[in-house]
Amino acid sequence: MRESPGPGVAGKSPERLTAVRALLFGLLLASASSCPSGCHCTEKSGAAVVRCTSGNLEKIPSDLPRNTVALILASNHISEISNRAFRELTRLRELDLSNNEIETVDAAAFHGLSDSLLALNLANNRIRSVPKEAFAHLRAKINLANNPWHCECVLQEVLRELRLDPESVKDMLCHTAVREEYTGKALIQILDSGINFCNFHHKTTDVAMFVTMFGWFSMVIGYVVYYVRHNREDAKRHLEYLKSLPSTSHIAKDLDTVSTVL
């Protein structure tokens, strides 16, 4: 007598098994495609580590896994960090963008990372300045070493709000500065010596305002002098014209003669 299949086997038709296999295969493909091209992704306990080092990337990948906790983008050709570049990565704790060609950091570049990010590496790039809002509210330890910084008031105000990596501070040099004497020196040493770049900014602004006001004052004085001279010449010409006219006594005599004749 032929035995009937067990309940577990009987409930699975060949068509249903094929559909399950296709679904599992699709899920595997979807999981694999979540790792950007040129990157290596590893996942453990629902947290992904994404490494995209030396991949000739020119921009930050947009298809990063949302559960990324560490993103290594070092040694590429990335030139810009645009606004909200990491807005989907709400669990990101470590971000390494060192050894790239970054020149521009937009004001909202790290928007959405203030609660999660613990380490940010921007060393060895081409950053000269950053907006004051770029690192606002970040509590991450930040490495800004070996960039061609322009040392002036805005940079000083940015640094007041940051937790700099202590080991990187000595390598933050002034490539250019508001005063030539500070070029090539360590920024932190300049600030520790009591120099305030914002005072230079205010002095420069005051001088510019003084020069502008002096220019306007000179123009007003010049106009007044011109006006007085011009009117003086007109007055002289008017007096000479009046002198050239017959005197009033002669005119009166002529009028009397005319009235007598009439």
Protein backbone atom coordinates (compact mmCIF):
# COMPACT_ATOMS: atom_id res chain seq x y z
CA MET A 1 0.00 0.00 0.00
CA ARG A 2 1.31 3.44 -0.98
CA GLU A 3 2.03 5.71 1.97
CA SER A 4 0.67 9.20 1.81
CA PRO A 5 3.18 12.00 2.16
CA GLY A 6 3.45 13.81 5.46
CA PRO A 7 1.60 17.03 6.01
CA GLY A 8 4.75 19.12 5.62
CA VAL A 9 5.60 17.62 2.25
CA ALA A 10 2.05 17.48 0.94
CA GLY A 11 1.58 21.21 1.50
CA LYS A 12 4.48 22.16 -0.78
CA SER A 13 3.77 21.77 -4.46
CA PRO A 14 6.64 22.04 -6.97
CA GLU A 15 5.28 25.41 -8.13
CA ARG A 16 5.27 26.79 -4.58
CA LEU A 17 8.80 25.59 -3.92
CA THR A 18 9.96 27.29 -7.10
CA ALA A 19 8.32 30.56 -6.02
CA VAL A 20 9.97 30.37 -2.58
CA ARG A 21 13.36 29.76 -4.16
CA ALA A 22 12.83 32.71 -6.52
CA LEU A 23 11.87 34.95 -3.61
CA LEU A 24 14.93 33.95 -1.60
CA PHE A 25 17.15 34.49 -4.64
CA GLY A 26 15.60 37.93 -5.17
CA LEU A 27 16.24 38.83 -1.54
CA LEU A 28 19.86 37.75 -1.87
CA LEU A 29 20.26 39.88 -4.98
CA ALA A 30 18.67 42.86 -3.27
CA SER A 31 20.97 42.44 -0.31
CA ALA A 32 24.02 42.24 -2.57
CA SER A 33 22.97 45.27 -4.66
CA SER A 34 22.75 47.43 -1.54
CA CYS A 35 26.54 47.58 -1.47
CA PRO A 36 27.76 50.25 -3.91
CA SER A 37 29.96 49.31 -6.83
CA GLY A 38 33.63 49.41 -5.92
CA CYS A 39 32.92 49.02 -2.22
CA HIS A 40 33.20 46.10 0.19
CA CYS A 41 30.38 45.69 2.70
CA THR A 42 30.34 43.51 5.78
CA GLU A 43 27.40 43.13 8.12
CA LYS A 44 27.18 41.92 11.66
CA SER A 45 24.23 42.04 14.04
CA GLY A 46 22.33 44.28 11.62
CA ALA A 47 25.13 46.88 11.35
CA ALA A 48 27.04 47.39 8.11
CA VAL A 49 30.64 48.49 7.62
CA VAL A 50 31.24 49.89 4.14
CA ARG A 51 34.78 50.24 2.78
CA CYS A 52 35.30 52.12 -0.48
CA THR A 53 39.03 52.89 -0.28
CA SER A 54 41.14 53.58 -3.37
CA GLY A 55 38.17 53.07 -5.65
CA ASN A 56 38.68 56.14 -7.88
CA LEU A 57 35.36 57.50 -6.65
CA GLU A 58 34.66 61.11 -7.66
CA LYS A 59 31.59 61.54 -5.49
CA ILE A 60 30.00 60.01 -2.43
CA PRO A 61 27.89 56.94 -3.36
CA SER A 62 24.16 57.50 -3.09
CA ASP A 63 23.14 53.85 -2.69
CA LEU A 64 24.75 53.17 0.68
CA PRO A 65 23.06 50.69 3.05
CA ARG A 66 20.88 52.51 5.55
CA ASN A 67 22.25 50.43 8.41
CA THR A 68 25.81 51.64 7.78
CA VAL A 69 27.66 52.41 11.02
CA ALA A 70 31.14 52.90 9.54
CA LEU A 71 31.85 54.40 6.11
CA ILE A 72 35.45 54.45 4.84
CA LEU A 73 35.88 56.57 1.69
CA ALA A 74 39.59 57.30 2.05
CA SER A 75 42.02 57.66 -0.89
CA ASN A 76 39.58 58.55 -3.66
CA HIS A 77 39.01 61.61 -5.86
CA ILE A 78 36.01 63.10 -4.08
CA SER A 79 36.06 66.91 -4.41
CA GLU A 80 32.85 68.01 -2.68
CA ILE A 81 30.61 67.13 0.25
CA SER A 82 27.21 68.39 -0.80
CA ASN A 83 24.26 69.26 1.42
CA ARG A 84 22.64 66.28 3.18
CA ALA A 85 25.05 63.81 1.57
CA PHE A 86 24.50 61.34 4.45
CA ARG A 87 20.86 62.07 5.28
CA GLU A 88 19.85 58.38 5.03
CA LEU A 89 22.61 57.12 7.33
CA THR A 90 21.01 57.84 10.69
CA ARG A 91 23.15 55.18 12.44
CA LEU A 92 26.52 56.34 11.08
CA ARG A 93 29.18 56.52 13.81
CA GLU A 94 32.45 56.69 11.86
CA LEU A 95 33.12 58.60 8.61
CA ASP A 96 36.55 58.63 6.96
CA LEU A 97 37.04 60.98 3.99
CA SER A 98 40.79 61.42 4.34
CA ASN A 99 43.21 61.56 1.39
CA ASN A 100 40.69 62.85 -1.13
CA GLU A 101 40.53 66.08 -3.17
CA ILE A 102 37.80 67.80 -1.17
CA GLU A 103 37.69 71.56 -1.68
CA THR A 104 34.06 72.34 -0.88
CA VAL A 105 32.10 71.44 2.24
CA ASP A 106 28.52 72.73 2.03
CA ALA A 107 26.79 74.29 5.01
CA ALA A 108 24.46 71.29 5.55
CA ALA A 109 26.95 68.59 4.48
CA PHE A 110 26.60 66.59 7.71
CA HIS A 111 22.95 67.31 8.36
CA GLY A 112 21.30 64.46 10.26
CA LEU A 113 24.50 63.10 11.84
CA SER A 114 24.62 65.21 15.00
CA ASP A 115 23.19 62.44 17.21
CA SER A 116 25.14 59.47 15.86
CA LEU A 117 28.52 60.50 14.44
CA LEU A 118 31.47 59.95 16.79
CA ALA A 119 34.50 60.23 14.47
CA LEU A 120 35.04 62.33 11.32
CA ASN A 121 38.31 62.30 9.37
CA LEU A 122 38.87 65.03 6.76
CA ALA A 123 42.68 65.01 6.84
CA ASN A 124 44.81 65.41 3.72
CA ASN A 125 42.35 67.19 1.50
CA ARG A 126 42.24 70.61 -0.19
CA ILE A 127 39.93 72.44 2.20
CA ARG A 128 40.77 76.14 2.67
CA SER A 129 37.68 77.20 4.57
CA VAL A 130 34.31 75.87 5.72
CA PRO A 131 30.99 77.57 6.54
CA LYS A 132 30.33 78.10 10.23
CA GLU A 133 27.20 75.93 9.92
CA ALA A 134 29.00 72.90 8.44
CA PHE A 135 29.94 71.29 11.76
CA ALA A 136 27.13 72.79 13.82
CA HIS A 137 25.92 70.52 16.64
CA LEU A 138 28.33 67.70 15.75
CA ARG A 139 29.76 65.97 18.80
CA ALA A 140 32.20 63.87 16.77
CA LYS A 141 35.96 63.99 17.22
CA ILE A 142 37.21 65.67 14.02
CA ASN A 143 40.55 65.42 12.20
CA LEU A 144 41.26 68.45 9.96
CA ALA A 145 45.02 68.02 9.58
CA ASN A 146 47.04 68.72 6.44
CA ASN A 147 44.61 70.95 4.58
CA PRO A 148 45.65 74.29 2.97
CA TRP A 149 43.77 76.40 5.53
CA HIS A 150 43.26 80.13 5.13
CA CYS A 151 43.58 81.41 8.69
CA GLU A 152 41.06 84.15 9.36
CA CYS A 153 38.06 85.00 11.53
CA VAL A 154 35.57 82.48 10.12
CA LEU A 155 37.94 79.54 10.64
CA GLN A 156 38.62 80.68 14.19
CA GLU A 157 34.88 80.79 14.91
CA VAL A 158 34.43 77.31 13.40
CA LEU A 159 37.13 75.84 15.63
CA ARG A 160 35.45 77.17 18.77
CA GLU A 161 32.57 74.76 18.22
CA LEU A 162 34.58 71.62 17.39
CA ARG A 163 36.06 68.65 19.26
CA LEU A 164 39.34 68.38 17.40
CA ASP A 165 41.34 65.18 17.44
CA PRO A 166 44.23 66.11 19.80
CA GLU A 167 46.76 64.18 17.71
CA SER A 168 45.88 66.16 14.58
CA VAL A 169 45.94 69.69 15.99
CA LYS A 170 49.68 70.24 15.43
CA ASP A 171 49.23 69.50 11.70
CA MET A 172 46.68 72.25 11.12
CA LEU A 173 48.91 74.82 9.43
CA CYS A 174 48.08 78.21 7.94
CA HIS A 175 48.70 77.87 4.21
CA THR A 176 47.60 81.51 3.88
CA ALA A 177 46.48 84.03 6.49
CA VAL A 178 45.08 87.52 6.90
CA ARG A 179 48.64 88.53 7.79
CA GLU A 180 51.67 87.18 5.97
CA GLU A 181 53.60 86.69 9.22
CA TYR A 182 51.33 83.78 10.22
CA THR A 183 51.70 81.81 6.99
CA GLY A 184 53.21 78.37 7.55
CA LYS A 185 52.62 78.37 11.30
CA ALA A 186 50.44 75.98 13.30
CA LEU A 187 47.02 77.51 13.74
CA ILE A 188 46.56 76.31 17.29
CA GLN A 189 49.87 77.86 18.37
CA ILE A 190 48.85 81.20 16.89
CA LEU A 191 45.54 81.16 18.72
CA ASP A 192 47.16 80.00 21.96
CA SER A 193 49.51 82.99 21.79
CA GLY A 194 46.49 85.30 22.12
CA ILE A 195 46.11 86.30 18.46
CA ASN A 196 42.50 86.98 17.48
CA PHE A 197 41.88 86.91 13.75
CA CYS A 198 38.45 88.44 14.27
CA ASN A 199 40.09 91.62 15.59
CA PHE A 200 41.99 91.87 12.30
CA HIS A 201 38.72 91.49 10.47
CA HIS A 202 37.10 94.31 12.42
CA LYS A 203 40.14 96.56 11.95
CA THR A 204 40.15 95.89 8.22
CA THR A 205 36.43 96.67 8.07
CA ASP A 206 36.94 99.89 10.04
CA VAL A 207 39.74 101.01 7.71
CA ALA A 208 37.60 100.25 4.67
CA MET A 209 34.71 102.24 6.12
CA PHE A 210 37.06 105.14 6.92
CA VAL A 211 38.46 105.16 3.40
CA THR A 212 34.94 105.06 1.94
CA MET A 213 33.74 107.91 4.17
CA PHE A 214 36.83 109.96 3.35
CA GLY A 215 36.17 109.42 -0.35
CA TRP A 216 32.57 110.60 -0.04
CA PHE A 217 33.64 113.58 2.08
CA SER A 218 36.23 114.57 -0.53
CA MET A 219 33.60 114.38 -3.26
CA VAL A 220 31.23 116.62 -1.28
CA ILE A 221 33.97 119.18 -0.59
CA GLY A 222 34.98 119.12 -4.24
CA TYR A 223 31.42 119.73 -5.33
CA VAL A 224 30.99 122.64 -2.90
CA VAL A 225 34.22 124.27 -4.11
CA TYR A 226 33.19 123.80 -7.73
CA TYR A 227 29.74 125.21 -7.01
CA VAL A 228 31.14 128.31 -5.26
CA ARG A 229 33.69 128.99 -8.00
CA HIS A 230 31.17 128.46 -10.75
CA ASN A 231 28.65 130.80 -9.12
CA ARG A 232 31.37 133.36 -8.41
CA GLU A 233 32.26 133.46 -12.10
CA ASP A 234 28.59 133.80 -12.99
CA ALA A 235 28.26 136.65 -10.51
CA LYS A 236 31.27 138.41 -12.01
CA ARG A 237 29.86 138.07 -15.52
CA HIS A 238 26.51 139.42 -14.30
CA LEU A 239 28.14 142.45 -12.69
CA GLU A 240 30.15 143.17 -15.82
CA TYR A 241 26.97 142.99 -17.86
CA LEU A 242 25.23 145.42 -15.54
CA LYS A 243 28.17 147.82 -15.71
CA SER A 244 28.01 147.75 -19.51
CA LEU A 245 24.38 148.94 -19.47
CA PRO A 246 23.55 152.74 -19.60
CA SER A 247 23.23 154.34 -16.18
CA THR A 248 19.74 154.88 -14.75
CA SER A 249 20.15 158.70 -14.82
CA HIS A 250 20.69 158.67 -18.56
CA ILE A 251 17.68 156.43 -18.98
CA ALA A 252 15.54 158.77 -16.86
CA LYS A 253 16.62 161.83 -18.93
CA ASP A 254 15.81 160.03 -22.14
CA LEU A 255 12.35 159.16 -20.83
CA ASP A 256 11.72 162.82 -19.85
CA THR A 257 12.72 163.97 -23.31
CA VAL A 258 10.41 161.53 -24.94
CA SER A 259 7.49 162.55 -22.70
CA THR A 260 8.10 166.27 -23.47
CA VAL A 261 8.09 165.66 -27.17
CA LEU A 262 4.85 163.78 -26.91
